[in-house]
């Protein structure tokens, strides 16, 4: 958790090796 989940999710969706990143 690091503030608004929109940006945190976006960062990890652009990270190699991540197969899913879900806001919640």
PDBML (XML) file of the C-alpha atoms, coordinates in Angstrom:
<?xml version="1.0" encoding="UTF-8" ?>
<PDBx:datablock datablockName="MODEL"
   xmlns:PDBx="http://pdbml.pdb.org/schema/pdbx-v50.xsd"
   xmlns:xsi="http://www.w3.org/2001/XMLSchema-instance"
   xsi:schemaLocation="http://pdbml.pdb.org/schema/pdbx-v50.xsd pdbx-v50.xsd">
   <PDBx:atom_siteCategory>
      <PDBx:atom_site id="1">
         <PDBx:B_iso_or_equiv>0.00</PDBx:B_iso_or_equiv>
         <PDBx:Cartn_x>0.000</PDBx:Cartn_x>
         <PDBx:Cartn_y>0.000</PDBx:Cartn_y>
         <PDBx:Cartn_z>0.000</PDBx:Cartn_z>
         <PDBx:auth_asym_id>A</PDBx:auth_asym_id>
         <PDBx:auth_atom_id>CA</PDBx:auth_atom_id>
         <PDBx:auth_comp_id>UNK</PDBx:auth_comp_id>
         <PDBx:auth_seq_id>1</PDBx:auth_seq_id>
         <PDBx:group_PDB>ATOM</PDBx:group_PDB>
         <PDBx:label_alt_id xsi:nil="true" />
         <PDBx:label_asym_id>A</PDBx:label_asym_id>
         <PDBx:label_atom_id>CA</PDBx:label_atom_id>
         <PDBx:label_comp_id>UNK</PDBx:label_comp_id>
         <PDBx:label_entity_id>1</PDBx:label_entity_id>
         <PDBx:label_seq_id>1</PDBx:label_seq_id>
         <PDBx:occupancy>1.00</PDBx:occupancy>
         <PDBx:pdbx_PDB_model_num>1</PDBx:pdbx_PDB_model_num>
         <PDBx:type_symbol>C</PDBx:type_symbol>
      </PDBx:atom_site>
      <PDBx:atom_site id="2">
         <PDBx:B_iso_or_equiv>0.00</PDBx:B_iso_or_equiv>
         <PDBx:Cartn_x>1.457</PDBx:Cartn_x>
         <PDBx:Cartn_y>3.343</PDBx:Cartn_y>
         <PDBx:Cartn_z>-1.017</PDBx:Cartn_z>
         <PDBx:auth_asym_id>A</PDBx:auth_asym_id>
         <PDBx:auth_atom_id>CA</PDBx:auth_atom_id>
         <PDBx:auth_comp_id>UNK</PDBx:auth_comp_id>
         <PDBx:auth_seq_id>2</PDBx:auth_seq_id>
         <PDBx:group_PDB>ATOM</PDBx:group_PDB>
         <PDBx:label_alt_id xsi:nil="true" />
         <PDBx:label_asym_id>A</PDBx:label_asym_id>
         <PDBx:label_atom_id>CA</PDBx:label_atom_id>
         <PDBx:label_comp_id>UNK</PDBx:label_comp_id>
         <PDBx:label_entity_id>1</PDBx:label_entity_id>
         <PDBx:label_seq_id>2</PDBx:label_seq_id>
         <PDBx:occupancy>1.00</PDBx:occupancy>
         <PDBx:pdbx_PDB_model_num>1</PDBx:pdbx_PDB_model_num>
         <PDBx:type_symbol>C</PDBx:type_symbol>
      </PDBx:atom_site>
      <PDBx:atom_site id="3">
         <PDBx:B_iso_or_equiv>0.00</PDBx:B_iso_or_equiv>
         <PDBx:Cartn_x>-1.232</PDBx:Cartn_x>
         <PDBx:Cartn_y>5.961</PDBx:Cartn_y>
         <PDBx:Cartn_z>-1.439</PDBx:Cartn_z>
         <PDBx:auth_asym_id>A</PDBx:auth_asym_id>
         <PDBx:auth_atom_id>CA</PDBx:auth_atom_id>
         <PDBx:auth_comp_id>UNK</PDBx:auth_comp_id>
         <PDBx:auth_seq_id>3</PDBx:auth_seq_id>
         <PDBx:group_PDB>ATOM</PDBx:group_PDB>
         <PDBx:label_alt_id xsi:nil="true" />
         <PDBx:label_asym_id>A</PDBx:label_asym_id>
         <PDBx:label_atom_id>CA</PDBx:label_atom_id>
         <PDBx:label_comp_id>UNK</PDBx:label_comp_id>
         <PDBx:label_entity_id>1</PDBx:label_entity_id>
         <PDBx:label_seq_id>3</PDBx:label_seq_id>
         <PDBx:occupancy>1.00</PDBx:occupancy>
         <PDBx:pdbx_PDB_model_num>1</PDBx:pdbx_PDB_model_num>
         <PDBx:type_symbol>C</PDBx:type_symbol>
      </PDBx:atom_site>
      <PDBx:atom_site id="4">
         <PDBx:B_iso_or_equiv>0.00</PDBx:B_iso_or_equiv>
         <PDBx:Cartn_x>-3.787</PDBx:Cartn_x>
         <PDBx:Cartn_y>5.934</PDBx:Cartn_y>
         <PDBx:Cartn_z>-4.249</PDBx:Cartn_z>
         <PDBx:auth_asym_id>A</PDBx:auth_asym_id>
         <PDBx:auth_atom_id>CA</PDBx:auth_atom_id>
         <PDBx:auth_comp_id>UNK</PDBx:auth_comp_id>
         <PDBx:auth_seq_id>4</PDBx:auth_seq_id>
         <PDBx:group_PDB>ATOM</PDBx:group_PDB>
         <PDBx:label_alt_id xsi:nil="true" />
         <PDBx:label_asym_id>A</PDBx:label_asym_id>
         <PDBx:label_atom_id>CA</PDBx:label_atom_id>
         <PDBx:label_comp_id>UNK</PDBx:label_comp_id>
         <PDBx:label_entity_id>1</PDBx:label_entity_id>
         <PDBx:label_seq_id>4</PDBx:label_seq_id>
         <PDBx:occupancy>1.00</PDBx:occupancy>
         <PDBx:pdbx_PDB_model_num>1</PDBx:pdbx_PDB_model_num>
         <PDBx:type_symbol>C</PDBx:type_symbol>
      </PDBx:atom_site>
      <PDBx:atom_site id="5">
         <PDBx:B_iso_or_equiv>0.00</PDBx:B_iso_or_equiv>
         <PDBx:Cartn_x>-3.789</PDBx:Cartn_x>
         <PDBx:Cartn_y>2.439</PDBx:Cartn_y>
         <PDBx:Cartn_z>-5.711</PDBx:Cartn_z>
         <PDBx:auth_asym_id>A</PDBx:auth_asym_id>
         <PDBx:auth_atom_id>CA</PDBx:auth_atom_id>
         <PDBx:auth_comp_id>UNK</PDBx:auth_comp_id>
         <PDBx:auth_seq_id>5</PDBx:auth_seq_id>
         <PDBx:group_PDB>ATOM</PDBx:group_PDB>
         <PDBx:label_alt_id xsi:nil="true" />
         <PDBx:label_asym_id>A</PDBx:label_asym_id>
         <PDBx:label_atom_id>CA</PDBx:label_atom_id>
         <PDBx:label_comp_id>UNK</PDBx:label_comp_id>
         <PDBx:label_entity_id>1</PDBx:label_entity_id>
         <PDBx:label_seq_id>5</PDBx:label_seq_id>
         <PDBx:occupancy>1.00</PDBx:occupancy>
         <PDBx:pdbx_PDB_model_num>1</PDBx:pdbx_PDB_model_num>
         <PDBx:type_symbol>C</PDBx:type_symbol>
      </PDBx:atom_site>
      <PDBx:atom_site id="6">
         <PDBx:B_iso_or_equiv>0.00</PDBx:B_iso_or_equiv>
         <PDBx:Cartn_x>-4.075</PDBx:Cartn_x>
         <PDBx:Cartn_y>3.696</PDBx:Cartn_y>
         <PDBx:Cartn_z>-9.296</PDBx:Cartn_z>
         <PDBx:auth_asym_id>A</PDBx:auth_asym_id>
         <PDBx:auth_atom_id>CA</PDBx:auth_atom_id>
         <PDBx:auth_comp_id>UNK</PDBx:auth_comp_id>
         <PDBx:auth_seq_id>6</PDBx:auth_seq_id>
         <PDBx:group_PDB>ATOM</PDBx:group_PDB>
         <PDBx:label_alt_id xsi:nil="true" />
         <PDBx:label_asym_id>A</PDBx:label_asym_id>
         <PDBx:label_atom_id>CA</PDBx:label_atom_id>
         <PDBx:label_comp_id>UNK</PDBx:label_comp_id>
         <PDBx:label_entity_id>1</PDBx:label_entity_id>
         <PDBx:label_seq_id>6</PDBx:label_seq_id>
         <PDBx:occupancy>1.00</PDBx:occupancy>
         <PDBx:pdbx_PDB_model_num>1</PDBx:pdbx_PDB_model_num>
         <PDBx:type_symbol>C</PDBx:type_symbol>
      </PDBx:atom_site>
      <PDBx:atom_site id="7">
         <PDBx:B_iso_or_equiv>0.00</PDBx:B_iso_or_equiv>
         <PDBx:Cartn_x>-0.394</PDBx:Cartn_x>
         <PDBx:Cartn_y>4.617</PDBx:Cartn_y>
         <PDBx:Cartn_z>-9.484</PDBx:Cartn_z>
         <PDBx:auth_asym_id>A</PDBx:auth_asym_id>
         <PDBx:auth_atom_id>CA</PDBx:auth_atom_id>
         <PDBx:auth_comp_id>UNK</PDBx:auth_comp_id>
         <PDBx:auth_seq_id>7</PDBx:auth_seq_id>
         <PDBx:group_PDB>ATOM</PDBx:group_PDB>
         <PDBx:label_alt_id xsi:nil="true" />
         <PDBx:label_asym_id>A</PDBx:label_asym_id>
         <PDBx:label_atom_id>CA</PDBx:label_atom_id>
         <PDBx:label_comp_id>UNK</PDBx:label_comp_id>
         <PDBx:label_entity_id>1</PDBx:label_entity_id>
         <PDBx:label_seq_id>7</PDBx:label_seq_id>
         <PDBx:occupancy>1.00</PDBx:occupancy>
         <PDBx:pdbx_PDB_model_num>1</PDBx:pdbx_PDB_model_num>
         <PDBx:type_symbol>C</PDBx:type_symbol>
      </PDBx:atom_site>
      <PDBx:atom_site id="8">
         <PDBx:B_iso_or_equiv>0.00</PDBx:B_iso_or_equiv>
         <PDBx:Cartn_x>0.948</PDBx:Cartn_x>
         <PDBx:Cartn_y>1.705</PDBx:Cartn_y>
         <PDBx:Cartn_z>-7.443</PDBx:Cartn_z>
         <PDBx:auth_asym_id>A</PDBx:auth_asym_id>
         <PDBx:auth_atom_id>CA</PDBx:auth_atom_id>
         <PDBx:auth_comp_id>UNK</PDBx:auth_comp_id>
         <PDBx:auth_seq_id>8</PDBx:auth_seq_id>
         <PDBx:group_PDB>ATOM</PDBx:group_PDB>
         <PDBx:label_alt_id xsi:nil="true" />
         <PDBx:label_asym_id>A</PDBx:label_asym_id>
         <PDBx:label_atom_id>CA</PDBx:label_atom_id>
         <PDBx:label_comp_id>UNK</PDBx:label_comp_id>
         <PDBx:label_entity_id>1</PDBx:label_entity_id>
         <PDBx:label_seq_id>8</PDBx:label_seq_id>
         <PDBx:occupancy>1.00</PDBx:occupancy>
         <PDBx:pdbx_PDB_model_num>1</PDBx:pdbx_PDB_model_num>
         <PDBx:type_symbol>C</PDBx:type_symbol>
      </PDBx:atom_site>
      <PDBx:atom_site id="9">
         <PDBx:B_iso_or_equiv>0.00</PDBx:B_iso_or_equiv>
         <PDBx:Cartn_x>-0.975</PDBx:Cartn_x>
         <PDBx:Cartn_y>-0.746</PDBx:Cartn_y>
         <PDBx:Cartn_z>-9.609</PDBx:Cartn_z>
         <PDBx:auth_asym_id>A</PDBx:auth_asym_id>
         <PDBx:auth_atom_id>CA</PDBx:auth_atom_id>
         <PDBx:auth_comp_id>UNK</PDBx:auth_comp_id>
         <PDBx:auth_seq_id>9</PDBx:auth_seq_id>
         <PDBx:group_PDB>ATOM</PDBx:group_PDB>
         <PDBx:label_alt_id xsi:nil="true" />
         <PDBx:label_asym_id>A</PDBx:label_asym_id>
         <PDBx:label_atom_id>CA</PDBx:label_atom_id>
         <PDBx:label_comp_id>UNK</PDBx:label_comp_id>
         <PDBx:label_entity_id>1</PDBx:label_entity_id>
         <PDBx:label_seq_id>9</PDBx:label_seq_id>
         <PDBx:occupancy>1.00</PDBx:occupancy>
         <PDBx:pdbx_PDB_model_num>1</PDBx:pdbx_PDB_model_num>
         <PDBx:type_symbol>C</PDBx:type_symbol>
      </PDBx:atom_site>
      <PDBx:atom_site id="10">
         <PDBx:B_iso_or_equiv>0.00</PDBx:B_iso_or_equiv>
         <PDBx:Cartn_x>0.297</PDBx:Cartn_x>
         <PDBx:Cartn_y>0.991</PDBx:Cartn_y>
         <PDBx:Cartn_z>-12.739</PDBx:Cartn_z>
         <PDBx:auth_asym_id>A</PDBx:auth_asym_id>
         <PDBx:auth_atom_id>CA</PDBx:auth_atom_id>
         <PDBx:auth_comp_id>UNK</PDBx:auth_comp_id>
         <PDBx:auth_seq_id>10</PDBx:auth_seq_id>
         <PDBx:group_PDB>ATOM</PDBx:group_PDB>
         <PDBx:label_alt_id xsi:nil="true" />
         <PDBx:label_asym_id>A</PDBx:label_asym_id>
         <PDBx:label_atom_id>CA</PDBx:label_atom_id>
         <PDBx:label_comp_id>UNK</PDBx:label_comp_id>
         <PDBx:label_entity_id>1</PDBx:label_entity_id>
         <PDBx:label_seq_id>10</PDBx:label_seq_id>
         <PDBx:occupancy>1.00</PDBx:occupancy>
         <PDBx:pdbx_PDB_model_num>1</PDBx:pdbx_PDB_model_num>
         <PDBx:type_symbol>C</PDBx:type_symbol>
      </PDBx:atom_site>
      <PDBx:atom_site id="11">
         <PDBx:B_iso_or_equiv>0.00</PDBx:B_iso_or_equiv>
         <PDBx:Cartn_x>3.933</PDBx:Cartn_x>
         <PDBx:Cartn_y>0.740</PDBx:Cartn_y>
         <PDBx:Cartn_z>-11.650</PDBx:Cartn_z>
         <PDBx:auth_asym_id>A</PDBx:auth_asym_id>
         <PDBx:auth_atom_id>CA</PDBx:auth_atom_id>
         <PDBx:auth_comp_id>UNK</PDBx:auth_comp_id>
         <PDBx:auth_seq_id>11</PDBx:auth_seq_id>
         <PDBx:group_PDB>ATOM</PDBx:group_PDB>
         <PDBx:label_alt_id xsi:nil="true" />
         <PDBx:label_asym_id>A</PDBx:label_asym_id>
         <PDBx:label_atom_id>CA</PDBx:label_atom_id>
         <PDBx:label_comp_id>UNK</PDBx:label_comp_id>
         <PDBx:label_entity_id>1</PDBx:label_entity_id>
         <PDBx:label_seq_id>11</PDBx:label_seq_id>
         <PDBx:occupancy>1.00</PDBx:occupancy>
         <PDBx:pdbx_PDB_model_num>1</PDBx:pdbx_PDB_model_num>
         <PDBx:type_symbol>C</PDBx:type_symbol>
      </PDBx:atom_site>
      <PDBx:atom_site id="12">
         <PDBx:B_iso_or_equiv>0.00</PDBx:B_iso_or_equiv>
         <PDBx:Cartn_x>3.751</PDBx:Cartn_x>
         <PDBx:Cartn_y>-2.993</PDBx:Cartn_y>
         <PDBx:Cartn_z>-11.034</PDBx:Cartn_z>
         <PDBx:auth_asym_id>A</PDBx:auth_asym_id>
         <PDBx:auth_atom_id>CA</PDBx:auth_atom_id>
         <PDBx:auth_comp_id>UNK</PDBx:auth_comp_id>
         <PDBx:auth_seq_id>12</PDBx:auth_seq_id>
         <PDBx:group_PDB>ATOM</PDBx:group_PDB>
         <PDBx:label_alt_id xsi:nil="true" />
         <PDBx:label_asym_id>A</PDBx:label_asym_id>
         <PDBx:label_atom_id>CA</PDBx:label_atom_id>
         <PDBx:label_comp_id>UNK</PDBx:label_comp_id>
         <PDBx:label_entity_id>1</PDBx:label_entity_id>
         <PDBx:label_seq_id>12</PDBx:label_seq_id>
         <PDBx:occupancy>1.00</PDBx:occupancy>
         <PDBx:pdbx_PDB_model_num>1</PDBx:pdbx_PDB_model_num>
         <PDBx:type_symbol>C</PDBx:type_symbol>
      </PDBx:atom_site>
      <PDBx:atom_site id="13">
         <PDBx:B_iso_or_equiv>0.00</PDBx:B_iso_or_equiv>
         <PDBx:Cartn_x>1.753</PDBx:Cartn_x>
         <PDBx:Cartn_y>-3.629</PDBx:Cartn_y>
         <PDBx:Cartn_z>-14.198</PDBx:Cartn_z>
         <PDBx:auth_asym_id>A</PDBx:auth_asym_id>
         <PDBx:auth_atom_id>CA</PDBx:auth_atom_id>
         <PDBx:auth_comp_id>UNK</PDBx:auth_comp_id>
         <PDBx:auth_seq_id>13</PDBx:auth_seq_id>
         <PDBx:group_PDB>ATOM</PDBx:group_PDB>
         <PDBx:label_alt_id xsi:nil="true" />
         <PDBx:label_asym_id>A</PDBx:label_asym_id>
         <PDBx:label_atom_id>CA</PDBx:label_atom_id>
         <PDBx:label_comp_id>UNK</PDBx:label_comp_id>
         <PDBx:label_entity_id>1</PDBx:label_entity_id>
         <PDBx:label_seq_id>13</PDBx:label_seq_id>
         <PDBx:occupancy>1.00</PDBx:occupancy>
         <PDBx:pdbx_PDB_model_num>1</PDBx:pdbx_PDB_model_num>
         <PDBx:type_symbol>C</PDBx:type_symbol>
      </PDBx:atom_site>
      <PDBx:atom_site id="14">
         <PDBx:B_iso_or_equiv>0.00</PDBx:B_iso_or_equiv>
         <PDBx:Cartn_x>4.814</PDBx:Cartn_x>
         <PDBx:Cartn_y>-2.276</PDBx:Cartn_y>
         <PDBx:Cartn_z>-16.007</PDBx:Cartn_z>
         <PDBx:auth_asym_id>A</PDBx:auth_asym_id>
         <PDBx:auth_atom_id>CA</PDBx:auth_atom_id>
         <PDBx:auth_comp_id>UNK</PDBx:auth_comp_id>
         <PDBx:auth_seq_id>14</PDBx:auth_seq_id>
         <PDBx:group_PDB>ATOM</PDBx:group_PDB>
         <PDBx:label_alt_id xsi:nil="true" />
         <PDBx:label_asym_id>A</PDBx:label_asym_id>
         <PDBx:label_atom_id>CA</PDBx:label_atom_id>
         <PDBx:label_comp_id>UNK</PDBx:label_comp_id>
         <PDBx:label_entity_id>1</PDBx:label_entity_id>
         <PDBx:label_seq_id>14</PDBx:label_seq_id>
         <PDBx:occupancy>1.00</PDBx:occupancy>
         <PDBx:pdbx_PDB_model_num>1</PDBx:pdbx_PDB_model_num>
         <PDBx:type_symbol>C</PDBx:type_symbol>
      </PDBx:atom_site>
      <PDBx:atom_site id="15">
         <PDBx:B_iso_or_equiv>0.00</PDBx:B_iso_or_equiv>
         <PDBx:Cartn_x>7.193</PDBx:Cartn_x>
         <PDBx:Cartn_y>-4.513</PDBx:Cartn_y>
         <PDBx:Cartn_z>-14.032</PDBx:Cartn_z>
         <PDBx:auth_asym_id>A</PDBx:auth_asym_id>
         <PDBx:auth_atom_id>CA</PDBx:auth_atom_id>
         <PDBx:auth_comp_id>UNK</PDBx:auth_comp_id>
         <PDBx:auth_seq_id>15</PDBx:auth_seq_id>
         <PDBx:group_PDB>ATOM</PDBx:group_PDB>
         <PDBx:label_alt_id xsi:nil="true" />
         <PDBx:label_asym_id>A</PDBx:label_asym_id>
         <PDBx:label_atom_id>CA</PDBx:label_atom_id>
         <PDBx:label_comp_id>UNK</PDBx:label_comp_id>
         <PDBx:label_entity_id>1</PDBx:label_entity_id>
         <PDBx:label_seq_id>15</PDBx:label_seq_id>
         <PDBx:occupancy>1.00</PDBx:occupancy>
         <PDBx:pdbx_PDB_model_num>1</PDBx:pdbx_PDB_model_num>
         <PDBx:type_symbol>C</PDBx:type_symbol>
      </PDBx:atom_site>
      <PDBx:atom_site id="16">
         <PDBx:B_iso_or_equiv>0.00</PDBx:B_iso_or_equiv>
         <PDBx:Cartn_x>8.591</PDBx:Cartn_x>
         <PDBx:Cartn_y>-7.634</PDBx:Cartn_y>
         <PDBx:Cartn_z>-15.705</PDBx:Cartn_z>
         <PDBx:auth_asym_id>A</PDBx:auth_asym_id>
         <PDBx:auth_atom_id>CA</PDBx:auth_atom_id>
         <PDBx:auth_comp_id>UNK</PDBx:auth_comp_id>
         <PDBx:auth_seq_id>16</PDBx:auth_seq_id>
         <PDBx:group_PDB>ATOM</PDBx:group_PDB>
         <PDBx:label_alt_id xsi:nil="true" />
         <PDBx:label_asym_id>A</PDBx:label_asym_id>
         <PDBx:label_atom_id>CA</PDBx:label_atom_id>
         <PDBx:label_comp_id>UNK</PDBx:label_comp_id>
         <PDBx:label_entity_id>1</PDBx:label_entity_id>
         <PDBx:label_seq_id>16</PDBx:label_seq_id>
         <PDBx:occupancy>1.00</PDBx:occupancy>
         <PDBx:pdbx_PDB_model_num>1</PDBx:pdbx_PDB_model_num>
         <PDBx:type_symbol>C</PDBx:type_symbol>
      </PDBx:atom_site>
      <PDBx:atom_site id="17">
         <PDBx:B_iso_or_equiv>0.00</PDBx:B_iso_or_equiv>
         <PDBx:Cartn_x>7.730</PDBx:Cartn_x>
         <PDBx:Cartn_y>-10.853</PDBx:Cartn_y>
         <PDBx:Cartn_z>-13.904</PDBx:Cartn_z>
         <PDBx:auth_asym_id>A</PDBx:auth_asym_id>
         <PDBx:auth_atom_id>CA</PDBx:auth_atom_id>
         <PDBx:auth_comp_id>UNK</PDBx:auth_comp_id>
         <PDBx:auth_seq_id>17</PDBx:auth_seq_id>
         <PDBx:group_PDB>ATOM</PDBx:group_PDB>
         <PDBx:label_alt_id xsi:nil="true" />
         <PDBx:label_asym_id>A</PDBx:label_asym_id>
         <PDBx:label_atom_id>CA</PDBx:label_atom_id>
         <PDBx:label_comp_id>UNK</PDBx:label_comp_id>
         <PDBx:label_entity_id>1</PDBx:label_entity_id>
         <PDBx:label_seq_id>17</PDBx:label_seq_id>
         <PDBx:occupancy>1.00</PDBx:occupancy>
         <PDBx:pdbx_PDB_model_num>1</PDBx:pdbx_PDB_model_num>
         <PDBx:type_symbol>C</PDBx:type_symbol>
      </PDBx:atom_site>
      <PDBx:atom_site id="18">
         <PDBx:B_iso_or_equiv>0.00</PDBx:B_iso_or_equiv>
         <PDBx:Cartn_x>4.419</PDBx:Cartn_x>
         <PDBx:Cartn_y>-9.544</PDBx:Cartn_y>
         <PDBx:Cartn_z>-12.532</PDBx:Cartn_z>
         <PDBx:auth_asym_id>A</PDBx:auth_asym_id>
         <PDBx:auth_atom_id>CA</PDBx:auth_atom_id>
         <PDBx:auth_comp_id>UNK</PDBx:auth_comp_id>
         <PDBx:auth_seq_id>18</PDBx:auth_seq_id>
         <PDBx:group_PDB>ATOM</PDBx:group_PDB>
         <PDBx:label_alt_id xsi:nil="true" />
         <PDBx:label_asym_id>A</PDBx:label_asym_id>
         <PDBx:label_atom_id>CA</PDBx:label_atom_id>
         <PDBx:label_comp_id>UNK</PDBx:label_comp_id>
         <PDBx:label_entity_id>1</PDBx:label_entity_id>
         <PDBx:label_seq_id>18</PDBx:label_seq_id>
         <PDBx:occupancy>1.00</PDBx:occupancy>
         <PDBx:pdbx_PDB_model_num>1</PDBx:pdbx_PDB_model_num>
         <PDBx:type_symbol>C</PDBx:type_symbol>
      </PDBx:atom_site>
      <PDBx:atom_site id="19">
         <PDBx:B_iso_or_equiv>0.00</PDBx:B_iso_or_equiv>
         <PDBx:Cartn_x>1.573</PDBx:Cartn_x>
         <PDBx:Cartn_y>-11.610</PDBx:Cartn_y>
         <PDBx:Cartn_z>-13.932</PDBx:Cartn_z>
         <PDBx:auth_asym_id>A</PDBx:auth_asym_id>
         <PDBx:auth_atom_id>CA</PDBx:auth_atom_id>
         <PDBx:auth_comp_id>UNK</PDBx:auth_comp_id>
         <PDBx:auth_seq_id>19</PDBx:auth_seq_id>
         <PDBx:group_PDB>ATOM</PDBx:group_PDB>
         <PDBx:label_alt_id xsi:nil="true" />
         <PDBx:label_asym_id>A</PDBx:label_asym_id>
         <PDBx:label_atom_id>CA</PDBx:label_atom_id>
         <PDBx:label_comp_id>UNK</PDBx:label_comp_id>
         <PDBx:label_entity_id>1</PDBx:label_entity_id>
         <PDBx:label_seq_id>19</PDBx:label_seq_id>
         <PDBx:occupancy>1.00</PDBx:occupancy>
         <PDBx:pdbx_PDB_model_num>1</PDBx:pdbx_PDB_model_num>
         <PDBx:type_symbol>C</PDBx:type_symbol>
      </PDBx:atom_site>
      <PDBx:atom_site id="20">
         <PDBx:B_iso_or_equiv>0.00</PDBx:B_iso_or_equiv>
         <PDBx:Cartn_x>-1.229</PDBx:Cartn_x>
         <PDBx:Cartn_y>-9.639</PDBx:Cartn_y>
         <PDBx:Cartn_z>-12.260</PDBx:Cartn_z>
         <PDBx:auth_asym_id>A</PDBx:auth_asym_id>
         <PDBx:auth_atom_id>CA</PDBx:auth_atom_id>
         <PDBx:auth_comp_id>UNK</PDBx:auth_comp_id>
         <PDBx:auth_seq_id>20</PDBx:auth_seq_id>
         <PDBx:group_PDB>ATOM</PDBx:group_PDB>
         <PDBx:label_alt_id xsi:nil="true" />
         <PDBx:label_asym_id>A</PDBx:label_asym_id>
         <PDBx:label_atom_id>CA</PDBx:label_atom_id>
         <PDBx:label_comp_id>UNK</PDBx:label_comp_id>
         <PDBx:label_entity_id>1</PDBx:label_entity_id>
         <PDBx:label_seq_id>20</PDBx:label_seq_id>
         <PDBx:occupancy>1.00</PDBx:occupancy>
         <PDBx:pdbx_PDB_model_num>1</PDBx:pdbx_PDB_model_num>
         <PDBx:type_symbol>C</PDBx:type_symbol>
      </PDBx:atom_site>
      <PDBx:atom_site id="21">
         <PDBx:B_iso_or_equiv>0.00</PDBx:B_iso_or_equiv>
         <PDBx:Cartn_x>-1.556</PDBx:Cartn_x>
         <PDBx:Cartn_y>-6.545</PDBx:Cartn_y>
         <PDBx:Cartn_z>-10.063</PDBx:Cartn_z>
         <PDBx:auth_asym_id>A</PDBx:auth_asym_id>
         <PDBx:auth_atom_id>CA</PDBx:auth_atom_id>
         <PDBx:auth_comp_id>UNK</PDBx:auth_comp_id>
         <PDBx:auth_seq_id>21</PDBx:auth_seq_id>
         <PDBx:group_PDB>ATOM</PDBx:group_PDB>
         <PDBx:label_alt_id xsi:nil="true" />
         <PDBx:label_asym_id>A</PDBx:label_asym_id>
         <PDBx:label_atom_id>CA</PDBx:label_atom_id>
         <PDBx:label_comp_id>UNK</PDBx:label_comp_id>
         <PDBx:label_entity_id>1</PDBx:label_entity_id>
         <PDBx:label_seq_id>21</PDBx:label_seq_id>
         <PDBx:occupancy>1.00</PDBx:occupancy>
         <PDBx:pdbx_PDB_model_num>1</PDBx:pdbx_PDB_model_num>
         <PDBx:type_symbol>C</PDBx:type_symbol>
      </PDBx:atom_site>
      <PDBx:atom_site id="22">
         <PDBx:B_iso_or_equiv>0.00</PDBx:B_iso_or_equiv>
         <PDBx:Cartn_x>-4.983</PDBx:Cartn_x>
         <PDBx:Cartn_y>-5.869</PDBx:Cartn_y>
         <PDBx:Cartn_z>-8.584</PDBx:Cartn_z>
         <PDBx:auth_asym_id>A</PDBx:auth_asym_id>
         <PDBx:auth_atom_id>CA</PDBx:auth_atom_id>
         <PDBx:auth_comp_id>UNK</PDBx:auth_comp_id>
         <PDBx:auth_seq_id>22</PDBx:auth_seq_id>
         <PDBx:group_PDB>ATOM</PDBx:group_PDB>
         <PDBx:label_alt_id xsi:nil="true" />
         <PDBx:label_asym_id>A</PDBx:label_asym_id>
         <PDBx:label_atom_id>CA</PDBx:label_atom_id>
         <PDBx:label_comp_id>UNK</PDBx:label_comp_id>
         <PDBx:label_entity_id>1</PDBx:label_entity_id>
         <PDBx:label_seq_id>22</PDBx:label_seq_id>
         <PDBx:occupancy>1.00</PDBx:occupancy>
         <PDBx:pdbx_PDB_model_num>1</PDBx:pdbx_PDB_model_num>
         <PDBx:type_symbol>C</PDBx:type_symbol>
      </PDBx:atom_site>
      <PDBx:atom_site id="23">
         <PDBx:B_iso_or_equiv>0.00</PDBx:B_iso_or_equiv>
         <PDBx:Cartn_x>-6.122</PDBx:Cartn_x>
         <PDBx:Cartn_y>-2.707</PDBx:Cartn_y>
         <PDBx:Cartn_z>-6.803</PDBx:Cartn_z>
         <PDBx:auth_asym_id>A</PDBx:auth_asym_id>
         <PDBx:auth_atom_id>CA</PDBx:auth_atom_id>
         <PDBx:auth_comp_id>UNK</PDBx:auth_comp_id>
         <PDBx:auth_seq_id>23</PDBx:auth_seq_id>
         <PDBx:group_PDB>ATOM</PDBx:group_PDB>
         <PDBx:label_alt_id xsi:nil="true" />
         <PDBx:label_asym_id>A</PDBx:label_asym_id>
         <PDBx:label_atom_id>CA</PDBx:label_atom_id>
         <PDBx:label_comp_id>UNK</PDBx:label_comp_id>
         <PDBx:label_entity_id>1</PDBx:label_entity_id>
         <PDBx:label_seq_id>23</PDBx:label_seq_id>
         <PDBx:occupancy>1.00</PDBx:occupancy>
         <PDBx:pdbx_PDB_model_num>1</PDBx:pdbx_PDB_model_num>
         <PDBx:type_symbol>C</PDBx:type_symbol>
      </PDBx:atom_site>
      <PDBx:atom_site id="24">
         <PDBx:B_iso_or_equiv>0.00</PDBx:B_iso_or_equiv>
         <PDBx:Cartn_x>-8.014</PDBx:Cartn_x>
         <PDBx:Cartn_y>-3.316</PDBx:Cartn_y>
         <PDBx:Cartn_z>-3.579</PDBx:Cartn_z>
         <PDBx:auth_asym_id>A</PDBx:auth_asym_id>
         <PDBx:auth_atom_id>CA</PDBx:auth_atom_id>
         <PDBx:auth_comp_id>UNK</PDBx:auth_comp_id>
         <PDBx:auth_seq_id>24</PDBx:auth_seq_id>
         <PDBx:group_PDB>ATOM</PDBx:group_PDB>
         <PDBx:label_alt_id xsi:nil="true" />
         <PDBx:label_asym_id>A</PDBx:label_asym_id>
         <PDBx:label_atom_id>CA</PDBx:label_atom_id>
         <PDBx:label_comp_id>UNK</PDBx:label_comp_id>
         <PDBx:label_entity_id>1</PDBx:label_entity_id>
         <PDBx:label_seq_id>24</PDBx:label_seq_id>
         <PDBx:occupancy>1.00</PDBx:occupancy>
         <PDBx:pdbx_PDB_model_num>1</PDBx:pdbx_PDB_model_num>
         <PDBx:type_symbol>C</PDBx:type_symbol>
      </PDBx:atom_site>
   </PDBx:atom_siteCategory>
</PDBx:datablock>
